[in-house]
Amino acid sequence: MTKAIKLESHPLVAQDILALDDEKLQRLALSKIKKLRDGVLRGTPLEKRKSTGDLSDCFKILFDTRRDIPPRFRIVYRNLHRGVEVVAVEVLSVGERYELEAYKQAAERLNRIKKDEDK
């Protein structure tokens, strides 16, 4: 059995989850985050891109309650290391993929791209 590790999150992640369309989506996001913490779920690596900033040390998890379309929502997180050991998972943003919103939020929260009003 995989050992659970420490879970951290950006202070605005709770607001991100509450802003999801409905309660089912909120519960699904929390379930995915719990599985991430428990080490039974891993995301897909992200990259450095002009449109989203440098998220090359981050990962994404796709989720949605609808099964008839591609997943519309993302959880963006990164692993925090002490040497080579992962000591914590830090959730940076939870939100829509539309217009790359979840990715842009994560990059802003890491101070890797400026907010639209700052550009």
Protein backbone atom coordinates (compact mmCIF):
# COMPACT_ATOMS: atom_id res chain seq x y z
CA MET A 1 0.00 0.00 0.00
CA THR A 2 1.24 3.47 -0.87
CA LYS A 3 1.95 5.81 2.01
CA ALA A 4 -0.06 9.03 2.24
CA ILE A 5 2.02 12.19 2.15
CA LYS A 6 1.45 15.69 3.38
CA LEU A 7 -1.07 17.73 1.41
CA GLU A 8 -0.70 21.47 1.00
CA SER A 9 -2.71 23.86 -1.10
CA HIS A 10 -2.69 27.44 -2.21
CA PRO A 11 -5.03 29.53 0.00
CA LEU A 12 -7.42 30.11 -2.92
CA VAL A 13 -7.92 26.42 -3.80
CA ALA A 14 -10.91 26.12 -1.43
CA GLN A 15 -12.55 29.00 -3.33
CA ASP A 16 -11.69 27.29 -6.62
CA ILE A 17 -13.54 24.15 -5.52
CA LEU A 18 -16.56 26.10 -4.26
CA ALA A 19 -16.72 27.92 -7.61
CA LEU A 20 -17.23 24.65 -9.54
CA ASP A 21 -20.61 24.24 -11.28
CA ASP A 22 -22.25 21.85 -8.84
CA GLU A 23 -21.81 19.78 -5.71
CA LYS A 24 -20.98 16.62 -7.68
CA LEU A 25 -18.03 18.37 -9.32
CA GLN A 26 -16.89 19.69 -5.95
CA ARG A 27 -17.00 16.20 -4.41
CA LEU A 28 -15.19 14.72 -7.40
CA ALA A 29 -12.41 17.32 -7.15
CA LEU A 30 -11.99 16.58 -3.44
CA SER A 31 -11.95 12.85 -4.15
CA LYS A 32 -9.21 13.27 -6.76
CA ILE A 33 -7.16 15.40 -4.35
CA LYS A 34 -7.53 12.74 -1.64
CA LYS A 35 -6.33 10.05 -4.06
CA LEU A 36 -3.41 12.27 -4.99
CA ARG A 37 -2.52 12.67 -1.32
CA ASP A 38 -2.86 8.92 -0.74
CA GLY A 39 -0.49 8.20 -3.60
CA VAL A 40 -2.99 6.26 -5.70
CA LEU A 41 -3.34 8.91 -8.41
CA ARG A 42 -0.70 10.66 -10.46
CA GLY A 43 -1.10 13.46 -12.92
CA THR A 44 0.35 14.18 -16.32
CA PRO A 45 3.45 16.42 -16.46
CA LEU A 46 3.03 19.99 -17.69
CA GLU A 47 5.50 22.11 -19.65
CA LYS A 48 6.70 25.65 -20.03
CA ARG A 49 4.45 27.47 -22.50
CA LYS A 50 4.05 31.10 -23.43
CA SER A 51 0.29 31.01 -22.82
CA THR A 52 0.50 29.44 -19.35
CA GLY A 53 3.96 30.27 -18.03
CA ASP A 54 6.50 27.78 -16.73
CA LEU A 55 4.64 24.87 -15.18
CA SER A 56 7.33 22.31 -16.02
CA ASP A 57 7.54 21.24 -12.37
CA CYS A 58 3.76 20.75 -12.18
CA PHE A 59 1.20 18.11 -13.09
CA LYS A 60 -2.45 18.07 -14.14
CA ILE A 61 -5.34 15.81 -13.26
CA LEU A 62 -8.38 15.86 -15.54
CA PHE A 63 -11.87 15.42 -14.13
CA ASP A 64 -15.53 15.88 -14.94
CA THR A 65 -18.88 14.41 -13.98
CA ARG A 66 -19.94 14.26 -17.62
CA ARG A 67 -18.78 11.28 -19.63
CA ASP A 68 -20.08 12.32 -23.05
CA ILE A 69 -17.41 14.99 -23.61
CA PRO A 70 -13.69 15.36 -22.81
CA PRO A 71 -13.01 16.39 -19.18
CA ARG A 72 -13.58 20.12 -18.72
CA PHE A 73 -11.79 20.59 -15.39
CA ARG A 74 -8.22 20.40 -14.11
CA ILE A 75 -6.37 20.12 -10.85
CA VAL A 76 -2.87 21.58 -11.12
CA TYR A 77 -0.34 20.52 -8.49
CA ARG A 78 3.35 20.03 -7.87
CA ASN A 79 5.39 17.70 -5.73
CA LEU A 80 7.54 19.28 -3.05
CA HIS A 81 10.85 17.49 -2.56
CA ARG A 82 13.52 17.10 0.07
CA GLY A 83 16.35 15.79 -2.04
CA VAL A 84 14.81 13.07 -4.22
CA GLU A 85 12.04 12.27 -1.73
CA VAL A 86 8.57 13.75 -2.27
CA VAL A 87 7.57 15.19 1.10
CA ALA A 88 4.33 16.92 0.12
CA VAL A 89 1.88 17.54 -2.68
CA GLU A 90 0.88 21.17 -3.21
CA VAL A 91 -2.40 21.80 -5.02
CA LEU A 92 -2.12 25.10 -6.88
CA SER A 93 -5.44 25.47 -8.67
CA VAL A 94 -8.70 23.72 -9.48
CA GLY A 95 -10.70 24.98 -12.40
CA GLU A 96 -11.73 24.88 -16.01
CA ARG A 97 -9.54 23.94 -18.89
CA TYR A 98 -11.49 26.45 -21.02
CA GLU A 99 -9.17 29.29 -22.03
CA LEU A 100 -6.46 27.51 -19.96
CA GLU A 101 -7.91 29.05 -16.80
CA ALA A 102 -6.66 26.44 -14.31
CA TYR A 103 -3.14 26.59 -15.75
CA LYS A 104 -3.01 30.38 -15.79
CA GLN A 105 -4.22 30.51 -12.18
CA ALA A 106 -1.48 28.11 -11.12
CA ALA A 107 1.20 30.12 -12.91
CA GLU A 108 -0.08 33.37 -11.38
CA ARG A 109 -0.09 31.80 -7.92
CA LEU A 110 3.53 30.76 -8.44
CA ASN A 111 4.33 34.30 -9.69
CA ARG A 112 5.39 32.91 -13.06
CA ILE A 113 3.05 35.00 -15.22
CA LYS A 114 1.31 38.27 -14.57
CA LYS A 115 -2.42 38.63 -14.14
CA ASP A 116 -4.23 40.02 -17.18
CA GLU A 117 -4.77 43.40 -15.53
CA ASP A 118 -1.01 43.68 -14.84
CA LYS A 119 0.08 43.11 -18.46
